[in-house]
Amino acid sequence: MSERIVPPRVYVTVFALLIFFTIVTVWAAFADLGRLNLAVALGIAGLKATLVVLYFMHVRYNSRLIWLALALAVSWLGMLVISVLSDYASRGWIPFPGK
């Protein structure tokens, strides 16, 4: 079984990006972005999670079967989140933003 050798500069670059996005997260936490606060925070968290999964968990260099498993896991998580949010929005006694 041959493994791909990743140069250390890739890890240093990804680490620097993670530090940068952490600083941006702190800035976004103190900035008043109105209704965009949640979207910005989740977007930055998604970017950081993607970097960790692709590079530190070596998904970027694995076979297509691993990519399929990752896609199925993310789609399953999306279905769970959508079902929970639709249940939450359908209850009349809980105030929902936008109603």
PDB file of N, CA and C in Angstrom:
ATOM      1  N   MET A   1       0.845  -1.165   0.000  1.00  0.00           N
ATOM      2  CA  MET A   1       0.000   0.000   0.000  1.00  0.00           C
ATOM      3  C   MET A   1       0.897   1.237   0.000  1.00  0.00           C
ATOM      4  N   SER A   2       0.758   2.048  -1.005  1.00  0.00           N
ATOM      5  CA  SER A   2       1.578   3.251  -1.071  1.00  0.00           C
ATOM      6  C   SER A   2       0.781   4.439  -0.552  1.00  0.00           C
ATOM      7  N   GLU A   3       1.453   5.260   0.204  1.00  0.00           N
ATOM      8  CA  GLU A   3       0.831   6.460   0.740  1.00  0.00           C
ATOM      9  C   GLU A   3       1.455   7.673   0.099  1.00  0.00           C
ATOM     10  N   ARG A   4       0.658   8.673  -0.078  1.00  0.00           N
ATOM     11  CA  ARG A   4       1.152   9.921  -0.652  1.00  0.00           C
ATOM     12  C   ARG A   4       1.902  10.693   0.425  1.00  0.00           C
ATOM     13  N   ILE A   5       3.068  11.205   0.086  1.00  0.00           N
ATOM     14  CA  ILE A   5       3.856  11.997   1.021  1.00  0.00           C
ATOM     15  C   ILE A   5       3.502  13.464   0.805  1.00  0.00           C
ATOM     16  N   VAL A   6       2.961  14.065   1.839  1.00  0.00           N
ATOM     17  CA  VAL A   6       2.535  15.458   1.760  1.00  0.00           C
ATOM     18  C   VAL A   6       3.666  16.336   2.286  1.00  0.00           C
ATOM     19  N   PRO A   7       4.051  17.341   1.518  1.00  0.00           N
ATOM     20  CA  PRO A   7       5.132  18.220   1.979  1.00  0.00           C
ATOM     21  C   PRO A   7       4.709  19.019   3.219  1.00  0.00           C
ATOM     22  N   PRO A   8       5.643  19.310   4.096  1.00  0.00           N
ATOM     23  CA  PRO A   8       5.295  20.063   5.313  1.00  0.00           C
ATOM     24  C   PRO A   8       4.728  21.450   5.025  1.00  0.00           C
ATOM     25  N   ARG A   9       5.092  22.061   3.900  1.00  0.00           N
ATOM     26  CA  ARG A   9       4.569  23.399   3.626  1.00  0.00           C
ATOM     27  C   ARG A   9       3.059  23.386   3.433  1.00  0.00           C
ATOM     28  N   VAL A  10       2.497  22.244   3.003  1.00  0.00           N
ATOM     29  CA  VAL A  10       1.034  22.139   2.882  1.00  0.00           C
ATOM     30  C   VAL A  10       0.398  22.241   4.261  1.00  0.00           C
ATOM     31  N   TYR A  11       0.978  21.526   5.228  1.00  0.00           N
ATOM     32  CA  TYR A  11       0.436  21.574   6.584  1.00  0.00           C
ATOM     33  C   TYR A  11       0.614  22.951   7.212  1.00  0.00           C
ATOM     34  N   VAL A  12       1.736  23.582   6.942  1.00  0.00           N
ATOM     35  CA  VAL A  12       1.976  24.930   7.478  1.00  0.00           C
ATOM     36  C   VAL A  12       0.995  25.919   6.858  1.00  0.00           C
ATOM     37  N   THR A  13       0.742  25.795   5.562  1.00  0.00           N
ATOM     38  CA  THR A  13      -0.209  26.684   4.892  1.00  0.00           C
ATOM     39  C   THR A  13      -1.615  26.494   5.435  1.00  0.00           C
ATOM     40  N   VAL A  14      -2.026  25.246   5.601  1.00  0.00           N
ATOM     41  CA  VAL A  14      -3.361  24.974   6.148  1.00  0.00           C
ATOM     42  C   VAL A  14      -3.458  25.477   7.586  1.00  0.00           C
ATOM     43  N   PHE A  15      -2.414  25.293   8.362  1.00  0.00           N
ATOM     44  CA  PHE A  15      -2.399  25.802   9.733  1.00  0.00           C
ATOM     45  C   PHE A  15      -2.520  27.327   9.755  1.00  0.00           C
ATOM     46  N   ALA A  16      -1.792  27.996   8.856  1.00  0.00           N
ATOM     47  CA  ALA A  16      -1.873  29.461   8.778  1.00  0.00           C
ATOM     48  C   ALA A  16      -3.278  29.904   8.374  1.00  0.00           C
ATOM     49  N   LEU A  17      -3.900  29.185   7.457  1.00  0.00           N
ATOM     50  CA  LEU A  17      -5.279  29.511   7.080  1.00  0.00           C
ATOM     51  C   LEU A  17      -6.244  29.309   8.248  1.00  0.00           C
ATOM     52  N   LEU A  18      -6.038  28.253   9.017  1.00  0.00           N
ATOM     53  CA  LEU A  18      -6.901  28.017  10.177  1.00  0.00           C
ATOM     54  C   LEU A  18      -6.737  29.116  11.221  1.00  0.00           C
ATOM     55  N   ILE A  19      -5.521  29.561  11.441  1.00  0.00           N
ATOM     56  CA  ILE A  19      -5.286  30.682  12.362  1.00  0.00           C
ATOM     57  C   ILE A  19      -5.952  31.950  11.827  1.00  0.00           C
ATOM     58  N   PHE A  20      -5.806  32.205  10.520  1.00  0.00           N
ATOM     59  CA  PHE A  20      -6.429  33.375   9.913  1.00  0.00           C
ATOM     60  C   PHE A  20      -7.947  33.330  10.078  1.00  0.00           C
ATOM     61  N   PHE A  21      -8.560  32.183   9.789  1.00  0.00           N
ATOM     62  CA  PHE A  21     -10.012  32.076   9.926  1.00  0.00           C
ATOM     63  C   PHE A  21     -10.456  32.160  11.384  1.00  0.00           C
ATOM     64  N   THR A  22      -9.604  31.753  12.317  1.00  0.00           N
ATOM     65  CA  THR A  22      -9.926  31.928  13.728  1.00  0.00           C
ATOM     66  C   THR A  22      -9.944  33.407  14.099  1.00  0.00           C
ATOM     67  N   ILE A  23      -8.987  34.161  13.576  1.00  0.00           N
ATOM     68  CA  ILE A  23      -8.969  35.613  13.816  1.00  0.00           C
ATOM     69  C   ILE A  23     -10.199  36.268  13.187  1.00  0.00           C
ATOM     70  N   VAL A  24     -10.567  35.826  11.986  1.00  0.00           N
ATOM     71  CA  VAL A  24     -11.764  36.358  11.339  1.00  0.00           C
ATOM     72  C   VAL A  24     -13.015  35.999  12.148  1.00  0.00           C
ATOM     73  N   THR A  25     -13.035  34.817  12.743  1.00  0.00           N
ATOM     74  CA  THR A  25     -14.165  34.420  13.580  1.00  0.00           C
ATOM     75  C   THR A  25     -14.295  35.333  14.792  1.00  0.00           C
ATOM     76  N   VAL A  26     -13.182  35.639  15.431  1.00  0.00           N
ATOM     77  CA  VAL A  26     -13.213  36.540  16.591  1.00  0.00           C
ATOM     78  C   VAL A  26     -13.668  37.927  16.165  1.00  0.00           C
ATOM     79  N   TRP A  27     -13.168  38.392  15.011  1.00  0.00           N
ATOM     80  CA  TRP A  27     -13.606  39.698  14.514  1.00  0.00           C
ATOM     81  C   TRP A  27     -15.108  39.700  14.248  1.00  0.00           C
ATOM     82  N   ALA A  28     -15.614  38.625  13.614  1.00  0.00           N
ATOM     83  CA  ALA A  28     -17.040  38.548  13.288  1.00  0.00           C
ATOM     84  C   ALA A  28     -17.894  38.459  14.547  1.00  0.00           C
ATOM     85  N   ALA A  29     -17.349  37.891  15.608  1.00  0.00           N
ATOM     86  CA  ALA A  29     -18.116  37.789  16.855  1.00  0.00           C
ATOM     87  C   ALA A  29     -18.329  39.161  17.483  1.00  0.00           C
ATOM     88  N   PHE A  30     -17.378  40.052  17.316  1.00  0.00           N
ATOM     89  CA  PHE A  30     -17.500  41.387  17.905  1.00  0.00           C
ATOM     90  C   PHE A  30     -18.108  42.406  16.943  1.00  0.00           C
ATOM     91  N   ALA A  31     -18.188  42.091  15.665  1.00  0.00           N
ATOM     92  CA  ALA A  31     -18.774  43.010  14.686  1.00  0.00           C
ATOM     93  C   ALA A  31     -20.291  42.850  14.680  1.00  0.00           C
ATOM     94  N   ASP A  32     -20.985  43.959  14.486  1.00  0.00           N
ATOM     95  CA  ASP A  32     -22.433  43.920  14.408  1.00  0.00           C
ATOM     96  C   ASP A  32     -22.833  43.788  12.946  1.00  0.00           C
ATOM     97  N   LEU A  33     -23.132  42.565  12.531  1.00  0.00           N
ATOM     98  CA  LEU A  33     -23.490  42.301  11.148  1.00  0.00           C
ATOM     99  C   LEU A  33     -24.987  42.130  10.967  1.00  0.00           C
ATOM    100  N   GLY A  34     -25.733  42.401  12.012  1.00  0.00           N
ATOM    101  CA  GLY A  34     -27.190  42.259  11.931  1.00  0.00           C
ATOM    102  C   GLY A  34     -27.592  40.800  11.846  1.00  0.00           C
ATOM    103  N   ARG A  35     -28.443  40.516  10.865  1.00  0.00           N
ATOM    104  CA  ARG A  35     -28.938  39.149  10.710  1.00  0.00           C
ATOM    105  C   ARG A  35     -27.913  38.221  10.059  1.00  0.00           C
ATOM    106  N   LEU A  36     -26.802  38.774   9.606  1.00  0.00           N
ATOM    107  CA  LEU A  36     -25.780  37.955   8.953  1.00  0.00           C
ATOM    108  C   LEU A  36     -24.794  37.326   9.932  1.00  0.00           C
ATOM    109  N   ASN A  37     -24.890  37.631  11.210  1.00  0.00           N
ATOM    110  CA  ASN A  37     -23.943  37.089  12.190  1.00  0.00           C
ATOM    111  C   ASN A  37     -23.890  35.567  12.140  1.00  0.00           C
ATOM    112  N   LEU A  38     -25.054  34.935  12.151  1.00  0.00           N
ATOM    113  CA  LEU A  38     -25.102  33.474  12.155  1.00  0.00           C
ATOM    114  C   LEU A  38     -24.558  32.902  10.848  1.00  0.00           C
ATOM    115  N   ALA A  39     -24.934  33.495   9.727  1.00  0.00           N
ATOM    116  CA  ALA A  39     -24.478  32.995   8.426  1.00  0.00           C
ATOM    117  C   ALA A  39     -22.960  33.116   8.281  1.00  0.00           C
ATOM    118  N   VAL A  40     -22.406  34.231   8.727  1.00  0.00           N
ATOM    119  CA  VAL A  40     -20.952  34.428   8.643  1.00  0.00           C
ATOM    120  C   VAL A  40     -20.231  33.440   9.551  1.00  0.00           C
ATOM    121  N   ALA A  41     -20.730  33.277  10.770  1.00  0.00           N
ATOM    122  CA  ALA A  41     -20.095  32.342  11.713  1.00  0.00           C
ATOM    123  C   ALA A  41     -20.147  30.907  11.198  1.00  0.00           C
ATOM    124  N   LEU A  42     -21.293  30.496  10.657  1.00  0.00           N
ATOM    125  CA  LEU A  42     -21.399  29.141  10.127  1.00  0.00           C
ATOM    126  C   LEU A  42     -20.564  28.952   8.868  1.00  0.00           C
ATOM    127  N   GLY A  43     -20.468  29.984   8.050  1.00  0.00           N
ATOM    128  CA  GLY A  43     -19.628  29.893   6.853  1.00  0.00           C
ATOM    129  C   GLY A  43     -18.161  29.722   7.191  1.00  0.00           C
ATOM    130  N   ILE A  44     -17.693  30.503   8.154  1.00  0.00           N
ATOM    131  CA  ILE A  44     -16.288  30.384   8.575  1.00  0.00           C
ATOM    132  C   ILE A  44     -16.045  29.020   9.217  1.00  0.00           C
ATOM    133  N   ALA A  45     -16.973  28.571  10.037  1.00  0.00           N
ATOM    134  CA  ALA A  45     -16.826  27.248  10.661  1.00  0.00           C
ATOM    135  C   ALA A  45     -16.818  26.144   9.614  1.00  0.00           C
ATOM    136  N   GLY A  46     -17.629  26.297   8.586  1.00  0.00           N
ATOM    137  CA  GLY A  46     -17.640  25.312   7.500  1.00  0.00           C
ATOM    138  C   GLY A  46     -16.330  25.276   6.740  1.00  0.00           C
ATOM    139  N   LEU A  47     -15.759  26.451   6.487  1.00  0.00           N
ATOM    140  CA  LEU A  47     -14.455  26.503   5.817  1.00  0.00           C
ATOM    141  C   LEU A  47     -13.364  25.839   6.650  1.00  0.00           C
ATOM    142  N   LYS A  48     -13.361  26.123   7.946  1.00  0.00           N
ATOM    143  CA  LYS A  48     -12.342  25.522   8.812  1.00  0.00           C
ATOM    144  C   LYS A  48     -12.526  24.010   8.897  1.00  0.00           C
ATOM    145  N   ALA A  49     -13.762  23.547   8.998  1.00  0.00           N
ATOM    146  CA  ALA A  49     -14.011  22.108   9.054  1.00  0.00           C
ATOM    147  C   ALA A  49     -13.596  21.431   7.755  1.00  0.00           C
ATOM    148  N   THR A  50     -13.850  22.091   6.626  1.00  0.00           N
ATOM    149  CA  THR A  50     -13.449  21.530   5.337  1.00  0.00           C
ATOM    150  C   THR A  50     -11.937  21.397   5.234  1.00  0.00           C
ATOM    151  N   LEU A  51     -11.206  22.416   5.673  1.00  0.00           N
ATOM    152  CA  LEU A  51      -9.746  22.334   5.651  1.00  0.00           C
ATOM    153  C   LEU A  51      -9.233  21.191   6.521  1.00  0.00           C
ATOM    154  N   VAL A  52      -9.805  21.036   7.700  1.00  0.00           N
ATOM    155  CA  VAL A  52      -9.363  19.966   8.603  1.00  0.00           C
ATOM    156  C   VAL A  52      -9.645  18.599   7.998  1.00  0.00           C
ATOM    157  N   VAL A  53     -10.850  18.419   7.452  1.00  0.00           N
ATOM    158  CA  VAL A  53     -11.203  17.118   6.882  1.00  0.00           C
ATOM    159  C   VAL A  53     -10.343  16.802   5.659  1.00  0.00           C
ATOM    160  N   LEU A  54     -10.154  17.764   4.787  1.00  0.00           N
ATOM    161  CA  LEU A  54      -9.408  17.500   3.552  1.00  0.00           C
ATOM    162  C   LEU A  54      -7.929  17.236   3.787  1.00  0.00           C
ATOM    163  N   TYR A  55      -7.307  18.018   4.648  1.00  0.00           N
ATOM    164  CA  TYR A  55      -5.854  17.923   4.767  1.00  0.00           C
ATOM    165  C   TYR A  55      -5.379  17.141   5.988  1.00  0.00           C
ATOM    166  N   PHE A  56      -5.929  17.426   7.163  1.00  0.00           N
ATOM    167  CA  PHE A  56      -5.432  16.730   8.348  1.00  0.00           C
ATOM    168  C   PHE A  56      -6.003  15.323   8.484  1.00  0.00           C
ATOM    169  N   MET A  57      -7.161  15.072   7.872  1.00  0.00           N
ATOM    170  CA  MET A  57      -7.719  13.719   7.874  1.00  0.00           C
ATOM    171  C   MET A  57      -7.408  12.992   6.564  1.00  0.00           C
ATOM    172  N   HIS A  58      -6.640  13.636   5.688  1.00  0.00           N
ATOM    173  CA  HIS A  58      -6.128  13.060   4.438  1.00  0.00           C
ATOM    174  C   HIS A  58      -7.219  12.596   3.477  1.00  0.00           C
ATOM    175  N   VAL A  59      -8.384  13.198   3.528  1.00  0.00           N
ATOM    176  CA  VAL A  59      -9.447  12.824   2.601  1.00  0.00           C
ATOM    177  C   VAL A  59      -9.105  13.270   1.180  1.00  0.00           C
ATOM    178  N   ARG A  60      -8.399  14.353   1.047  1.00  0.00           N
ATOM    179  CA  ARG A  60      -8.046  14.872  -0.272  1.00  0.00           C
ATOM    180  C   ARG A  60      -7.225  13.875  -1.078  1.00  0.00           C
ATOM    181  N   TYR A  61      -6.456  13.044  -0.422  1.00  0.00           N
ATOM    182  CA  TYR A  61      -5.556  12.128  -1.111  1.00  0.00           C
ATOM    183  C   TYR A  61      -6.040  10.681  -1.100  1.00  0.00           C
ATOM    184  N   ASN A  62      -7.259  10.436  -0.645  1.00  0.00           N
ATOM    185  CA  ASN A  62      -7.776   9.071  -0.580  1.00  0.00           C
ATOM    186  C   ASN A  62      -8.596   8.723  -1.815  1.00  0.00           C
ATOM    187  N   SER A  63      -9.071   7.494  -1.835  1.00  0.00           N
ATOM    188  CA  SER A  63      -9.812   6.990  -2.993  1.00  0.00           C
ATOM    189  C   SER A  63     -11.207   7.608  -3.071  1.00  0.00           C
ATOM    190  N   ARG A  64     -11.860   7.360  -4.187  1.00  0.00           N
ATOM    191  CA  ARG A  64     -13.215   7.882  -4.406  1.00  0.00           C
ATOM    192  C   ARG A  64     -14.229   7.244  -3.461  1.00  0.00           C
ATOM    193  N   LEU A  65     -13.927   6.089  -2.938  1.00  0.00           N
ATOM    194  CA  LEU A  65     -14.841   5.452  -1.982  1.00  0.00           C
ATOM    195  C   LEU A  65     -14.928   6.264  -0.693  1.00  0.00           C
ATOM    196  N   ILE A  66     -13.813   6.816  -0.261  1.00  0.00           N
ATOM    197  CA  ILE A  66     -13.814   7.680   0.920  1.00  0.00           C
ATOM    198  C   ILE A  66     -14.611   8.942   0.636  1.00  0.00           C
ATOM    199  N   TRP A  67     -14.451   9.494  -0.581  1.00  0.00           N
ATOM    200  CA  TRP A  67     -15.231  10.685  -0.957  1.00  0.00           C
ATOM    201  C   TRP A  67     -16.728  10.376  -0.958  1.00  0.00           C
ATOM    202  N   LEU A  68     -17.100   9.183  -1.423  1.00  0.00           N
ATOM    203  CA  LEU A  68     -18.508   8.783  -1.421  1.00  0.00           C
ATOM    204  C   LEU A  68     -19.035   8.669   0.002  1.00  0.00           C
ATOM    205  N   ALA A  69     -18.248   8.057   0.881  1.00  0.00           N
ATOM    206  CA  ALA A  69     -18.660   7.939   2.280  1.00  0.00           C
ATOM    207  C   ALA A  69     -18.810   9.312   2.929  1.00  0.00           C
ATOM    208  N   LEU A  70     -17.904  10.225   2.624  1.00  0.00           N
ATOM    209  CA  LEU A  70     -17.995  11.580   3.156  1.00  0.00           C
ATOM    210  C   LEU A  70     -19.233  12.296   2.625  1.00  0.00           C
ATOM    211  N   ALA A  71     -19.512  12.156   1.336  1.00  0.00           N
ATOM    212  CA  ALA A  71     -20.694  12.793   0.749  1.00  0.00           C
ATOM    213  C   ALA A  71     -21.980  12.236   1.360  1.00  0.00           C
ATOM    214  N   LEU A  72     -22.030  10.937   1.580  1.00  0.00           N
ATOM    215  CA  LEU A  72     -23.217  10.342   2.202  1.00  0.00           C
ATOM    216  C   LEU A  72     -23.377  10.807   3.642  1.00  0.00           C
ATOM    217  N   ALA A  73     -22.280  10.923   4.370  1.00  0.00           N
ATOM    218  CA  ALA A  73     -22.363  11.388   5.757  1.00  0.00           C
ATOM    219  C   ALA A  73     -22.834  12.838   5.826  1.00  0.00           C
ATOM    220  N   VAL A  74     -22.320  13.685   4.946  1.00  0.00           N
ATOM    221  CA  VAL A  74     -22.734  15.088   4.944  1.00  0.00           C
ATOM    222  C   VAL A  74     -24.189  15.219   4.509  1.00  0.00           C
ATOM    223  N   SER A  75     -24.621  14.438   3.525  1.00  0.00           N
ATOM    224  CA  SER A  75     -26.024  14.506   3.108  1.00  0.00           C
ATOM    225  C   SER A  75     -26.946  13.988   4.207  1.00  0.00           C
ATOM    226  N   TRP A  76     -26.540  12.964   4.924  1.00  0.00           N
ATOM    227  CA  TRP A  76     -27.339  12.467   6.048  1.00  0.00           C
ATOM    228  C   TRP A  76     -27.448  13.532   7.141  1.00  0.00           C
ATOM    229  N   LEU A  77     -26.357  14.196   7.439  1.00  0.00           N
ATOM    230  CA  LEU A  77     -26.398  15.280   8.413  1.00  0.00           C
ATOM    231  C   LEU A  77     -27.329  16.394   7.939  1.00  0.00           C
ATOM    232  N   GLY A  78     -27.267  16.726   6.653  1.00  0.00           N
ATOM    233  CA  GLY A  78     -28.168  17.741   6.109  1.00  0.00           C
ATOM    234  C   GLY A  78     -29.631  17.351   6.244  1.00  0.00           C
ATOM    235  N   MET A  79     -29.955  16.078   5.976  1.00  0.00           N
ATOM    236  CA  MET A  79     -31.339  15.628   6.139  1.00  0.00           C
ATOM    237  C   MET A  79     -31.789  15.711   7.589  1.00  0.00           C
ATOM    238  N   LEU A  80     -30.909  15.368   8.513  1.00  0.00           N
ATOM    239  CA  LEU A  80     -31.267  15.460   9.926  1.00  0.00           C
ATOM    240  C   LEU A  80     -31.506  16.904  10.355  1.00  0.00           C
ATOM    241  N   VAL A  81     -30.644  17.805   9.910  1.00  0.00           N
ATOM    242  CA  VAL A  81     -30.807  19.223  10.261  1.00  0.00           C
ATOM    243  C   VAL A  81     -32.096  19.774   9.666  1.00  0.00           C
ATOM    244  N   ILE A  82     -32.385  19.441   8.404  1.00  0.00           N
ATOM    245  CA  ILE A  82     -33.607  19.928   7.762  1.00  0.00           C
ATOM    246  C   ILE A  82     -34.841  19.385   8.466  1.00  0.00           C
ATOM    247  N   SER A  83     -34.828  18.115   8.852  1.00  0.00           N
ATOM    248  CA  SER A  83     -36.002  17.558   9.534  1.00  0.00           C
ATOM    249  C   SER A  83     -36.203  18.191  10.907  1.00  0.00           C
ATOM    250  N   VAL A  84     -35.133  18.450  11.622  1.00  0.00           N
ATOM    251  CA  VAL A  84     -35.273  19.097  12.925  1.00  0.00           C
ATOM    252  C   VAL A  84     -35.770  20.530  12.770  1.00  0.00           C
ATOM    253  N   LEU A  85     -35.226  21.262  11.813  1.00  0.00           N
ATOM    254  CA  LEU A  85     -35.658  22.643  11.603  1.00  0.00           C
ATOM    255  C   LEU A  85     -37.093  22.726  11.096  1.00  0.00           C
ATOM    256  N   SER A  86     -37.520  21.775  10.262  1.00  0.00           N
ATOM    257  CA  SER A  86     -38.911  21.804   9.805  1.00  0.00           C
ATOM    258  C   SER A  86     -39.867  21.487  10.954  1.00  0.00           C
ATOM    259  N   ASP A  87     -39.472  20.593  11.849  1.00  0.00           N
ATOM    260  CA  ASP A  87     -40.290  20.319  13.027  1.00  0.00           C
ATOM    261  C   ASP A  87     -40.348  21.541  13.929  1.00  0.00           C
ATOM    262  N   TYR A  88     -39.233  22.198  14.104  1.00  0.00           N
ATOM    263  CA  TYR A  88     -39.172  23.394  14.942  1.00  0.00           C
ATOM    264  C   TYR A  88     -40.029  24.514  14.357  1.00  0.00           C
ATOM    265  N   ALA A  89     -39.982  24.682  13.032  1.00  0.00           N
ATOM    266  CA  ALA A  89     -40.740  25.762  12.389  1.00  0.00           C
ATOM    267  C   ALA A  89     -42.235  25.476  12.350  1.00  0.00           C
ATOM    268  N   SER A  90     -42.635  24.207  12.405  1.00  0.00           N
ATOM    269  CA  SER A  90     -44.052  23.874  12.288  1.00  0.00           C
ATOM    270  C   SER A  90     -44.811  24.023  13.602  1.00  0.00           C
ATOM    271  N   ARG A  91     -44.123  24.214  14.686  1.00  0.00           N
ATOM    272  CA  ARG A  91     -44.802  24.354  15.980  1.00  0.00           C
ATOM    273  C   ARG A  91     -45.268  25.794  16.136  1.00  0.00           C
ATOM    274  N   GLY A  92     -46.545  25.953  16.427  1.00  0.00           N
ATOM    275  CA  GLY A  92     -47.122  27.282  16.524  1.00  0.00           C
ATOM    276  C   GLY A  92     -46.787  28.006  17.808  1.00  0.00           C
ATOM    277  N   TRP A  93     -46.442  27.284  18.846  1.00  0.00           N
ATOM    278  CA  TRP A  93     -46.202  27.917  20.138  1.00  0.00           C
ATOM    279  C   TRP A  93     -44.765  28.376  20.315  1.00  0.00           C
ATOM    280  N   ILE A  94     -43.899  28.072  19.346  1.00  0.00           N
ATOM    281  CA  ILE A  94     -42.515  28.529  19.413  1.00  0.00           C
ATOM    282  C   ILE A  94     -42.334  29.647  18.399  1.00  0.00           C
ATOM    283  N   PRO A  95     -41.918  30.836  18.834  1.00  0.00           N
ATOM    284  CA  PRO A  95     -41.710  31.911  17.849  1.00  0.00           C
ATOM    285  C   PRO A  95     -40.543  31.587  16.933  1.00  0.00           C
ATOM    286  N   PHE A  96     -40.748  31.722  15.633  1.00  0.00           N
ATOM    287  CA  PHE A  96     -39.725  31.427  14.636  1.00  0.00           C
ATOM    288  C   PHE A  96     -39.379  32.699  13.895  1.00  0.00           C
ATOM    289  N   PRO A  97     -38.107  33.022  13.733  1.00  0.00           N
ATOM    290  CA  PRO A  97     -37.741  34.249  13.020  1.00  0.00           C
ATOM    291  C   PRO A  97     -38.272  34.241  11.594  1.00  0.00           C
ATOM    292  N   GLY A  98     -38.861  35.322  11.197  1.00  0.00           N
ATOM    293  CA  GLY A  98     -39.375  35.448   9.843  1.00  0.00           C
ATOM    294  C   GLY A  98     -40.857  35.195   9.716  1.00  0.00           C
ATOM    295  N   LYS A  99     -41.525  34.755  10.785  1.00  0.00           N
ATOM    296  CA  LYS A  99     -42.969  34.523  10.711  1.00  0.00           C
ATOM    297  C   LYS A  99     -43.723  35.721  11.185  1.00  0.00           C
TER     298      LYS A  99
END
